[in-house]
Every structure is written in structure tokens, then in C-alpha cells.
Amino acid sequence: MPMPADANQHGDIFGGWIMAQVDIAGSVLAARRALGRVVTVAVNEFQFKQPVSIGDVLSFYGDIVRVGTTSITIYVEVYAQRNPSEIETVKVTEATLTYVATGTDRKPRPVPPLADRKR
């Protein structure tokens, strides 16, 4: 939930704040698939569809779009629930980001095949 410190003088949440939250959401999914550390290497697309306001409750949904040798591309959608007396849910943002799996040396490493994943 964005708070007053995350907003401009008109009560709209800063785009950069939303971008940071999208990056966090995307990186969780990428790190799970990579079985470890990932870094953001590209914001391929980012669309703000509706403004986000103080007090909106945001939900982030991600899907893996592509898995390469060392990279994982994630699509993230953001929905806001607003108007607590009559809850309305609207899509506010969508983005596609690419992450690269890295080792402890912070150099790219291969993304493990699905067969290697622990269940």
C-alpha cells in the first residue's frame, strides 16, 4: 500500500515507486526460477494505465515469458483495489523486465533446466 511519502503534491504515487515495486515482484519470480541470485538487466516495456493513489491496495502478478541460457524475462501486471466502501479493482500498470542469473561472483551463470529444480 503506497503511503503519503510515496506521492506527489496531488496525491498521485510516483512512477519510480511503482517501478521499484514491480522490479521486486519480478525478481522474486525470476530468482525462484533461477534457483538463486538474479539482477535486473532491462526494463523492456513499462506502461502506466491508471494513476495510483495513497491508500490503494496493490497486487502484483507475474508470469515467466522467456527463459534463456542466463536470462529470464518476466511480465508483471499490477492491480489496485480502491474505494473501500465499494471496492473497485483496476489494472494500473504492466511491465516486462529481464533478469540475469548470477553466481556469488556476480557474473552470469546458466539458469538451471526445469528438471534440475528441487520440488
C-alpha atoms as a PDB file:
ATOM      1  CA  MET A   1       0.000   0.000   0.000  1.00  0.00           C
ATOM      2  CA  PRO A   2       1.552   3.317  -1.027  1.00  0.00           C
ATOM      3  CA  MET A   3       1.782   5.948   1.691  1.00  0.00           C
ATOM      4  CA  PRO A   4       1.895   9.774   1.630  1.00  0.00           C
ATOM      5  CA  ALA A   5       5.715   9.830   1.385  1.00  0.00           C
ATOM      6  CA  ASP A   6       5.383   7.948  -1.933  1.00  0.00           C
ATOM      7  CA  ALA A   7       3.153  10.622  -3.527  1.00  0.00           C
ATOM      8  CA  ASN A   8       3.467  13.975  -5.238  1.00  0.00           C
ATOM      9  CA  GLN A   9       1.630  17.096  -4.086  1.00  0.00           C
ATOM     10  CA  HIS A  10      -1.559  15.937  -5.879  1.00  0.00           C
ATOM     11  CA  GLY A  11      -1.712  12.563  -4.125  1.00  0.00           C
ATOM     12  CA  ASP A  12      -0.550  10.534  -7.124  1.00  0.00           C
ATOM     13  CA  ILE A  13       2.085   7.894  -6.401  1.00  0.00           C
ATOM     14  CA  PHE A  14       5.470   8.446  -8.030  1.00  0.00           C
ATOM     15  CA  GLY A  15       6.067   6.253 -11.064  1.00  0.00           C
ATOM     16  CA  GLY A  16       9.516   5.399  -9.740  1.00  0.00           C
ATOM     17  CA  TRP A  17       7.988   3.945  -6.576  1.00  0.00           C
ATOM     18  CA  ILE A  18       5.720   1.723  -8.656  1.00  0.00           C
ATOM     19  CA  MET A  19       8.638   0.714 -10.866  1.00  0.00           C
ATOM     20  CA  ALA A  20      10.639  -0.351  -7.804  1.00  0.00           C
ATOM     21  CA  GLN A  21       7.768  -2.499  -6.532  1.00  0.00           C
ATOM     22  CA  VAL A  22       7.335  -4.108  -9.973  1.00  0.00           C
ATOM     23  CA  ASP A  23      11.073  -4.861 -10.054  1.00  0.00           C
ATOM     24  CA  ILE A  24      10.851  -6.530  -6.644  1.00  0.00           C
ATOM     25  CA  ALA A  25       7.831  -8.605  -7.691  1.00  0.00           C
ATOM     26  CA  GLY A  26       9.503  -9.664 -10.944  1.00  0.00           C
ATOM     27  CA  SER A  27      12.769 -10.512  -9.241  1.00  0.00           C
ATOM     28  CA  VAL A  28      11.045 -12.863  -6.778  1.00  0.00           C
ATOM     29  CA  LEU A  29       9.692 -14.952  -9.650  1.00  0.00           C
ATOM     30  CA  ALA A  30      12.983 -14.800 -11.575  1.00  0.00           C
ATOM     31  CA  ALA A  31      15.024 -15.819  -8.517  1.00  0.00           C
ATOM     32  CA  ARG A  32      12.725 -18.771  -7.867  1.00  0.00           C
ATOM     33  CA  ARG A  33      13.159 -19.961 -11.446  1.00  0.00           C
ATOM     34  CA  ALA A  34      16.927 -19.308 -11.394  1.00  0.00           C
ATOM     35  CA  LEU A  35      17.306 -21.024  -8.009  1.00  0.00           C
ATOM     36  CA  GLY A  36      19.335 -18.104  -6.714  1.00  0.00           C
ATOM     37  CA  ARG A  37      20.579 -14.599  -7.250  1.00  0.00           C
ATOM     38  CA  VAL A  38      19.346 -12.520 -10.196  1.00  0.00           C
ATOM     39  CA  VAL A  39      19.967  -8.959 -11.326  1.00  0.00           C
ATOM     40  CA  THR A  40      17.755  -6.699 -13.403  1.00  0.00           C
ATOM     41  CA  VAL A  41      19.346  -6.030 -16.786  1.00  0.00           C
ATOM     42  CA  ALA A  42      16.485  -4.463 -18.741  1.00  0.00           C
ATOM     43  CA  VAL A  43      13.106  -2.869 -18.425  1.00  0.00           C
ATOM     44  CA  ASN A  44      11.765  -3.919 -21.805  1.00  0.00           C
ATOM     45  CA  GLU A  45       8.365  -2.278 -21.520  1.00  0.00           C
ATOM     46  CA  PHE A  46       6.531  -0.324 -18.848  1.00  0.00           C
ATOM     47  CA  GLN A  47       3.029   1.115 -19.162  1.00  0.00           C
ATOM     48  CA  PHE A  48       1.170   3.141 -16.580  1.00  0.00           C
ATOM     49  CA  LYS A  49      -2.509   2.619 -17.345  1.00  0.00           C
ATOM     50  CA  GLN A  50      -4.164   4.389 -14.397  1.00  0.00           C
ATOM     51  CA  PRO A  51      -2.849   6.611 -11.616  1.00  0.00           C
ATOM     52  CA  VAL A  52      -2.176   5.027  -8.228  1.00  0.00           C
ATOM     53  CA  SER A  53      -3.314   6.934  -5.153  1.00  0.00           C
ATOM     54  CA  ILE A  54      -2.444   6.946  -1.478  1.00  0.00           C
ATOM     55  CA  GLY A  55      -4.292   4.087   0.202  1.00  0.00           C
ATOM     56  CA  ASP A  56      -4.751   1.913  -2.906  1.00  0.00           C
ATOM     57  CA  VAL A  57      -4.036  -1.731  -2.134  1.00  0.00           C
ATOM     58  CA  LEU A  58      -1.770  -3.051  -4.875  1.00  0.00           C
ATOM     59  CA  SER A  59      -1.440  -6.651  -6.063  1.00  0.00           C
ATOM     60  CA  PHE A  60       1.359  -7.817  -8.365  1.00  0.00           C
ATOM     61  CA  TYR A  61       1.041 -10.820 -10.681  1.00  0.00           C
ATOM     62  CA  GLY A  62       3.954 -12.174 -12.680  1.00  0.00           C
ATOM     63  CA  ASP A  63       4.499 -14.733 -15.406  1.00  0.00           C
ATOM     64  CA  ILE A  64       7.660 -16.080 -16.959  1.00  0.00           C
ATOM     65  CA  VAL A  65       7.709 -15.033 -20.610  1.00  0.00           C
ATOM     66  CA  ARG A  66      11.051 -16.466 -21.690  1.00  0.00           C
ATOM     67  CA  VAL A  67      13.983 -18.378 -20.233  1.00  0.00           C
ATOM     68  CA  GLY A  68      17.325 -18.091 -22.000  1.00  0.00           C
ATOM     69  CA  THR A  69      20.724 -19.502 -21.163  1.00  0.00           C
ATOM     70  CA  THR A  70      21.345 -16.987 -18.359  1.00  0.00           C
ATOM     71  CA  SER A  71      18.303 -14.706 -18.583  1.00  0.00           C
ATOM     72  CA  ILE A  72      14.675 -14.794 -17.539  1.00  0.00           C
ATOM     73  CA  THR A  73      12.052 -12.387 -18.875  1.00  0.00           C
ATOM     74  CA  ILE A  74       9.098 -11.662 -16.616  1.00  0.00           C
ATOM     75  CA  TYR A  75       5.750  -9.988 -17.367  1.00  0.00           C
ATOM     76  CA  VAL A  76       4.184  -8.228 -14.355  1.00  0.00           C
ATOM     77  CA  GLU A  77       0.661  -6.831 -14.038  1.00  0.00           C
ATOM     78  CA  VAL A  78      -0.356  -4.522 -11.194  1.00  0.00           C
ATOM     79  CA  TYR A  79      -3.911  -4.117  -9.957  1.00  0.00           C
ATOM     80  CA  ALA A  80      -5.190  -1.579  -7.448  1.00  0.00           C
ATOM     81  CA  GLN A  81      -8.126  -2.038  -5.111  1.00  0.00           C
ATOM     82  CA  ARG A  82      -9.591   1.331  -4.214  1.00  0.00           C
ATOM     83  CA  ASN A  83     -12.674   2.907  -2.696  1.00  0.00           C
ATOM     84  CA  PRO A  84     -13.024   0.792   0.482  1.00  0.00           C
ATOM     85  CA  SER A  85     -16.796   1.404   0.806  1.00  0.00           C
ATOM     86  CA  GLU A  86     -17.419  -0.065  -2.674  1.00  0.00           C
ATOM     87  CA  ILE A  87     -14.212  -1.843  -3.674  1.00  0.00           C
ATOM     88  CA  GLU A  88     -13.177  -1.282  -7.258  1.00  0.00           C
ATOM     89  CA  THR A  89     -10.263  -3.186  -8.834  1.00  0.00           C
ATOM     90  CA  VAL A  90      -8.425  -1.650 -11.778  1.00  0.00           C
ATOM     91  CA  LYS A  91      -5.312  -2.589 -13.725  1.00  0.00           C
ATOM     92  CA  VAL A  92      -2.820   0.239 -13.161  1.00  0.00           C
ATOM     93  CA  THR A  93       0.468  -0.967 -14.633  1.00  0.00           C
ATOM     94  CA  GLU A  94       2.014  -3.661 -16.792  1.00  0.00           C
ATOM     95  CA  ALA A  95       5.667  -4.256 -17.466  1.00  0.00           C
ATOM     96  CA  THR A  96       8.161  -6.687 -18.937  1.00  0.00           C
ATOM     97  CA  LEU A  97      11.601  -6.955 -17.331  1.00  0.00           C
ATOM     98  CA  THR A  98      14.632  -9.137 -17.968  1.00  0.00           C
ATOM     99  CA  TYR A  99      16.825 -10.562 -15.224  1.00  0.00           C
ATOM    100  CA  VAL A 100      20.130 -12.434 -15.452  1.00  0.00           C
ATOM    101  CA  ALA A 101      21.058 -15.240 -13.073  1.00  0.00           C
ATOM    102  CA  THR A 102      24.376 -14.574 -11.362  1.00  0.00           C
ATOM    103  CA  GLY A 103      26.694 -16.524  -9.133  1.00  0.00           C
ATOM    104  CA  THR A 104      28.345 -15.421  -5.910  1.00  0.00           C
ATOM    105  CA  ASP A 105      30.987 -13.770  -8.094  1.00  0.00           C
ATOM    106  CA  ARG A 106      28.154 -11.661  -9.628  1.00  0.00           C
ATOM    107  CA  LYS A 107      28.938 -12.986 -13.095  1.00  0.00           C
ATOM    108  CA  PRO A 108      26.220 -14.535 -15.293  1.00  0.00           C
ATOM    109  CA  ARG A 109      25.539 -18.201 -14.725  1.00  0.00           C
ATOM    110  CA  PRO A 110      23.263 -20.639 -16.551  1.00  0.00           C
ATOM    111  CA  VAL A 111      19.638 -20.870 -15.490  1.00  0.00           C
ATOM    112  CA  PRO A 112      19.093 -24.468 -14.353  1.00  0.00           C
ATOM    113  CA  PRO A 113      16.809 -26.578 -16.547  1.00  0.00           C
ATOM    114  CA  LEU A 114      13.408 -27.351 -15.051  1.00  0.00           C
ATOM    115  CA  ALA A 115      14.433 -30.985 -14.495  1.00  0.00           C
ATOM    116  CA  ASP A 116      17.137 -29.784 -12.053  1.00  0.00           C
ATOM    117  CA  ARG A 117      14.683 -27.879  -9.894  1.00  0.00           C
ATOM    118  CA  LYS A 118      14.005 -29.139  -6.398  1.00  0.00           C
ATOM    119  CA  ARG A 119      10.379 -29.868  -5.685  1.00  0.00           C
END
